[in-house]
Structures are given as structure tokens and as C-alpha cells.
């Protein structure tokens, strides 16, 4: 098998409308979670899925601990983890105090061996990148109103279907409507539904 790729334009940071060049990018086939990894490794070794899950928890605890203490952590031949800081830029060290400096993010740098092992062949993706539709906001809002006129509530998946928005953008838009008092939510996690306040 091969990795799929398609082209995407580089974002225009200047915002001047000038068309930017295209660059090849991997089109994700999905996300492999730890449960699948544990299952496949257990099937090919003497470890149980429970053993592997326990080891993963222990690694997470130890790696995060040493990163918080200022160490770099090398995880086998996968690569190195390190922490980054955030603070306002200064010209002199005396201009800033330690209370104004905080941890920002965790960085990862793959080893040359892991980069080589992760390299494969690529083929042009058949369908390319999924993108949200360009329906105007007014159209999306009217479709939402029409849907809720016939149904007591709407799910994120249904909102994506009627507006053409991908999951992340649909969630952000629904949550913004909740913040603005247009919608309320009911349920938790993957079972959240959105409804008009008068439908409670």
C-alpha cells in the first residue's frame, strides 16, 4: 500500500489576494488509536493488550514528569520530546521575571532512523482533501431553522449534512450559536444534541 497525497495552496499570510503555490500534502486515511495498536501487537507477540495498556500509562506518566522537570526525553528510536516556553520578547533579561514565563507546548523531533522507517511510496489521492462547503452563513442559518422547525433537535452530524461543513467547523459554529443563546445543548460527549431554548 501507499500513502495518498493531494495538493493544497500555501496560505496567503499577506492577505493581498495573490494566488499562492501548491504543495503536496498527505491525505489522512484516518487515525489509528492505541487500542488498535495494542490489539495488533498482542496478536503478534506474547504481550497482552492489558500489558501494553499498562506500559503506555507508565510511559505517559514518566515522560510528562521528566518534561516538566526540564529534561529532554528520548523514546526508543522514535524520537525526542522536549518542552517549550512562552513569554513576551525582551531585549534584556532583566526586563522579565520568572512568573511571566510558563510552559507552552511539547515538541517532538524524530530520529533519522524513524524518519527512514516512516518513509513510503505515495500515490495521488483519488478524492483529495475534504473541505467544508462555501455556503453563505445566511443559507446555513436558514437550513438550521428549517430543520429545527420539523425536528426537536439537531446533532453535529446532521448539521454537517445540511450545511456541508466538516466536523470541526460544524462543532465550532454550533458552539458559537450556543454561546450566543441561539441554541441550547442536551446530553454529554458524543451524545450532545442542539435545540432551541423553547424546546427544552
Protein backbone atom coordinates (compact mmCIF):
# COMPACT_ATOMS: atom_id res chain seq x y z
CA UNK A 1 0.00 0.00 0.00
CA UNK A 2 1.00 3.61 -0.39
CA UNK A 3 0.23 6.93 1.25
CA UNK A 4 -2.19 9.18 -0.62
CA UNK A 5 -1.38 12.79 -1.40
CA UNK A 6 -3.05 15.80 -2.91
CA UNK A 7 -2.15 19.45 -3.38
CA UNK A 8 -3.02 22.41 -1.20
CA UNK A 9 -2.20 26.05 -1.66
CA UNK A 10 0.06 27.73 0.84
CA UNK A 11 -1.99 30.18 2.97
CA UNK A 12 -1.58 33.79 1.90
CA UNK A 13 -0.13 35.41 5.02
CA UNK A 14 -0.22 38.88 3.48
CA UNK A 15 -3.92 38.60 2.69
CA UNK A 16 -3.45 40.54 -0.55
CA UNK A 17 -5.38 38.05 -2.68
CA UNK A 18 -2.32 36.86 -4.60
CA UNK A 19 -2.63 33.18 -5.51
CA UNK A 20 -0.07 31.07 -3.64
CA UNK A 21 1.78 28.00 -4.97
CA UNK A 22 0.52 24.44 -4.49
CA UNK A 23 2.31 21.98 -2.23
CA UNK A 24 1.77 18.20 -1.93
CA UNK A 25 0.30 17.08 1.40
CA UNK A 26 -0.56 13.65 2.81
CA UNK A 27 -4.31 12.94 2.76
CA UNK A 28 -5.02 11.17 6.04
CA UNK A 29 -6.74 7.80 5.86
CA UNK A 30 -7.88 8.18 9.47
CA UNK A 31 -6.43 7.87 12.95
CA UNK A 32 -5.01 4.66 14.43
CA UNK A 33 -5.70 4.71 18.16
CA UNK A 34 -3.75 2.95 20.90
CA UNK A 35 -6.37 0.20 21.27
CA UNK A 36 -5.79 -0.93 17.72
CA UNK A 37 -2.02 -0.82 18.20
CA UNK A 38 -2.30 -2.84 21.42
CA UNK A 39 -4.51 -5.43 19.70
CA UNK A 40 -2.21 -5.85 16.71
CA UNK A 41 0.96 -6.00 18.83
CA UNK A 42 -0.67 -8.51 21.22
CA UNK A 43 -1.64 -10.74 18.28
CA UNK A 44 1.99 -10.76 17.10
CA UNK A 45 3.73 -11.14 20.48
CA UNK A 46 3.46 -12.66 23.95
CA UNK A 47 2.20 -9.39 25.45
CA UNK A 48 -1.45 -8.98 26.34
CA UNK A 49 -3.44 -5.88 25.45
CA UNK A 50 -3.60 -5.17 29.20
CA UNK A 51 0.20 -5.36 29.49
CA UNK A 52 0.62 -2.89 26.66
CA UNK A 53 -2.02 -0.51 28.03
CA UNK A 54 -0.28 -0.56 31.41
CA UNK A 55 3.10 0.15 29.84
CA UNK A 56 1.60 3.05 27.90
CA UNK A 57 0.18 4.61 31.07
CA UNK A 58 3.56 4.22 32.80
CA UNK A 59 5.35 5.83 29.83
CA UNK A 60 2.90 8.74 29.78
CA UNK A 61 3.44 9.41 33.47
CA UNK A 62 7.24 9.20 33.32
CA UNK A 63 7.66 11.17 30.10
CA UNK A 64 5.39 14.00 31.28
CA UNK A 65 7.17 14.08 34.66
CA UNK A 66 10.66 14.44 33.18
CA UNK A 67 9.49 17.02 30.64
CA UNK A 68 8.00 19.07 33.48
CA UNK A 69 11.41 18.90 35.21
CA UNK A 70 13.20 20.31 32.17
CA UNK A 71 14.63 17.14 30.65
CA UNK A 72 14.55 16.02 27.04
CA UNK A 73 13.17 12.50 26.74
CA UNK A 74 14.24 10.04 24.04
CA UNK A 75 11.61 7.36 23.44
CA UNK A 76 13.47 4.43 21.90
CA UNK A 77 14.31 5.12 18.28
CA UNK A 78 11.06 7.05 17.77
CA UNK A 79 12.46 10.42 18.72
CA UNK A 80 12.98 13.13 21.28
CA UNK A 81 10.39 15.05 23.29
CA UNK A 82 11.12 18.48 24.75
CA UNK A 83 9.14 21.30 26.32
CA UNK A 84 8.91 24.85 25.02
CA UNK A 85 8.25 28.07 26.93
CA UNK A 86 6.16 31.15 26.25
CA UNK A 87 6.85 34.72 27.29
CA UNK A 88 6.89 38.17 25.74
CA UNK A 89 10.09 39.02 23.84
CA UNK A 90 12.59 41.25 25.64
CA UNK A 91 15.90 42.92 24.78
CA UNK A 92 17.36 42.48 28.25
CA UNK A 93 17.00 39.53 30.65
CA UNK A 94 16.19 41.95 33.47
CA UNK A 95 13.02 43.09 31.70
CA UNK A 96 11.10 39.95 32.57
CA UNK A 97 10.54 37.89 35.71
CA UNK A 98 10.18 34.13 36.05
CA UNK A 99 6.49 34.45 36.96
CA UNK A 100 5.90 35.79 33.45
CA UNK A 101 7.47 32.73 31.82
CA UNK A 102 5.50 29.49 31.54
CA UNK A 103 5.46 26.14 29.78
CA UNK A 104 3.86 26.37 26.35
CA UNK A 105 3.96 23.15 24.36
CA UNK A 106 5.64 19.77 23.86
CA UNK A 107 7.87 19.43 20.81
CA UNK A 108 8.80 16.21 19.05
CA UNK A 109 11.85 15.54 16.86
CA UNK A 110 12.01 12.20 15.08
CA UNK A 111 15.28 10.28 14.87
CA UNK A 112 16.80 9.73 11.40
CA UNK A 113 16.05 6.01 11.78
CA UNK A 114 12.36 6.64 12.50
CA UNK A 115 12.08 9.09 9.60
CA UNK A 116 13.51 6.45 7.26
CA UNK A 117 11.16 3.76 8.64
CA UNK A 118 8.18 6.09 8.20
CA UNK A 119 9.00 6.86 4.57
CA UNK A 120 6.99 5.03 1.94
CA UNK A 121 5.69 5.35 -1.57
CA UNK A 122 3.00 7.89 -2.42
CA UNK A 123 0.19 7.98 -4.96
CA UNK A 124 -2.20 10.75 -5.96
CA UNK A 125 -5.35 10.58 -3.84
CA UNK A 126 -8.50 9.61 -5.73
CA UNK A 127 -10.75 12.09 -3.93
CA UNK A 128 -8.27 14.55 -2.40
CA UNK A 129 -8.85 16.65 0.70
CA UNK A 130 -12.28 17.04 2.20
CA UNK A 131 -13.22 20.67 2.51
CA UNK A 132 -16.18 22.45 4.06
CA UNK A 133 -18.72 23.88 1.65
CA UNK A 134 -18.77 27.58 0.89
CA UNK A 135 -22.45 28.07 1.66
CA UNK A 136 -23.11 31.61 2.92
CA UNK A 137 -23.80 31.95 6.65
CA UNK A 138 -27.35 33.10 5.95
CA UNK A 139 -28.04 29.92 3.97
CA UNK A 140 -26.61 27.71 6.71
CA UNK A 141 -28.72 29.52 9.29
CA UNK A 142 -31.91 29.20 7.25
CA UNK A 143 -31.29 25.48 6.75
CA UNK A 144 -30.80 25.09 10.51
CA UNK A 145 -34.06 26.97 11.19
CA UNK A 146 -35.93 24.80 8.67
CA UNK A 147 -34.52 21.61 10.19
CA UNK A 148 -35.47 22.63 13.75
CA UNK A 149 -38.96 23.60 12.58
CA UNK A 150 -39.52 19.92 11.73
CA UNK A 151 -37.37 18.30 14.46
CA UNK A 152 -36.95 18.86 18.19
CA UNK A 153 -33.14 18.86 18.00
CA UNK A 154 -30.17 18.50 15.68
CA UNK A 155 -26.92 16.57 16.06
CA UNK A 156 -23.50 17.68 14.86
CA UNK A 157 -23.59 15.03 12.14
CA UNK A 158 -26.98 16.27 10.89
CA UNK A 159 -25.73 19.86 10.91
CA UNK A 160 -22.75 18.80 8.78
CA UNK A 161 -25.12 17.08 6.35
CA UNK A 162 -27.38 20.09 5.83
CA UNK A 163 -24.59 22.68 5.66
CA UNK A 164 -21.68 20.76 4.12
CA UNK A 165 -19.36 21.78 6.98
CA UNK A 166 -16.73 19.33 8.15
CA UNK A 167 -16.83 18.11 11.74
CA UNK A 168 -14.51 20.66 13.34
CA UNK A 169 -16.05 23.69 11.64
CA UNK A 170 -19.58 22.43 12.30
CA UNK A 171 -18.82 21.99 16.01
CA UNK A 172 -17.29 25.45 16.27
CA UNK A 173 -20.30 27.01 14.59
CA UNK A 174 -22.83 25.12 16.75
CA UNK A 175 -20.95 26.01 19.94
CA UNK A 176 -20.88 29.67 18.87
CA UNK A 177 -24.65 29.56 18.45
CA UNK A 178 -24.89 28.12 21.96
CA UNK A 179 -22.69 30.92 23.34
CA UNK A 180 -24.90 33.49 21.64
CA UNK A 181 -28.06 31.97 23.16
CA UNK A 182 -29.48 30.82 19.83
CA UNK A 183 -29.23 27.15 20.79
CA UNK A 184 -29.01 25.09 23.95
CA UNK A 185 -27.41 21.69 24.40
CA UNK A 186 -28.60 18.49 25.99
CA UNK A 187 -26.53 15.36 26.67
CA UNK A 188 -22.82 14.74 27.07
CA UNK A 189 -19.82 13.70 24.99
CA UNK A 190 -20.75 12.10 21.69
CA UNK A 191 -24.46 12.26 22.58
CA UNK A 192 -24.79 16.04 22.66
CA UNK A 193 -27.74 17.42 20.73
CA UNK A 194 -28.57 21.04 19.92
CA UNK A 195 -32.04 22.51 20.29
CA UNK A 196 -33.90 25.79 20.51
CA UNK A 197 -34.19 27.18 24.05
CA UNK A 198 -38.01 26.92 23.88
CA UNK A 199 -37.74 23.19 23.06
CA UNK A 200 -36.24 22.32 26.45
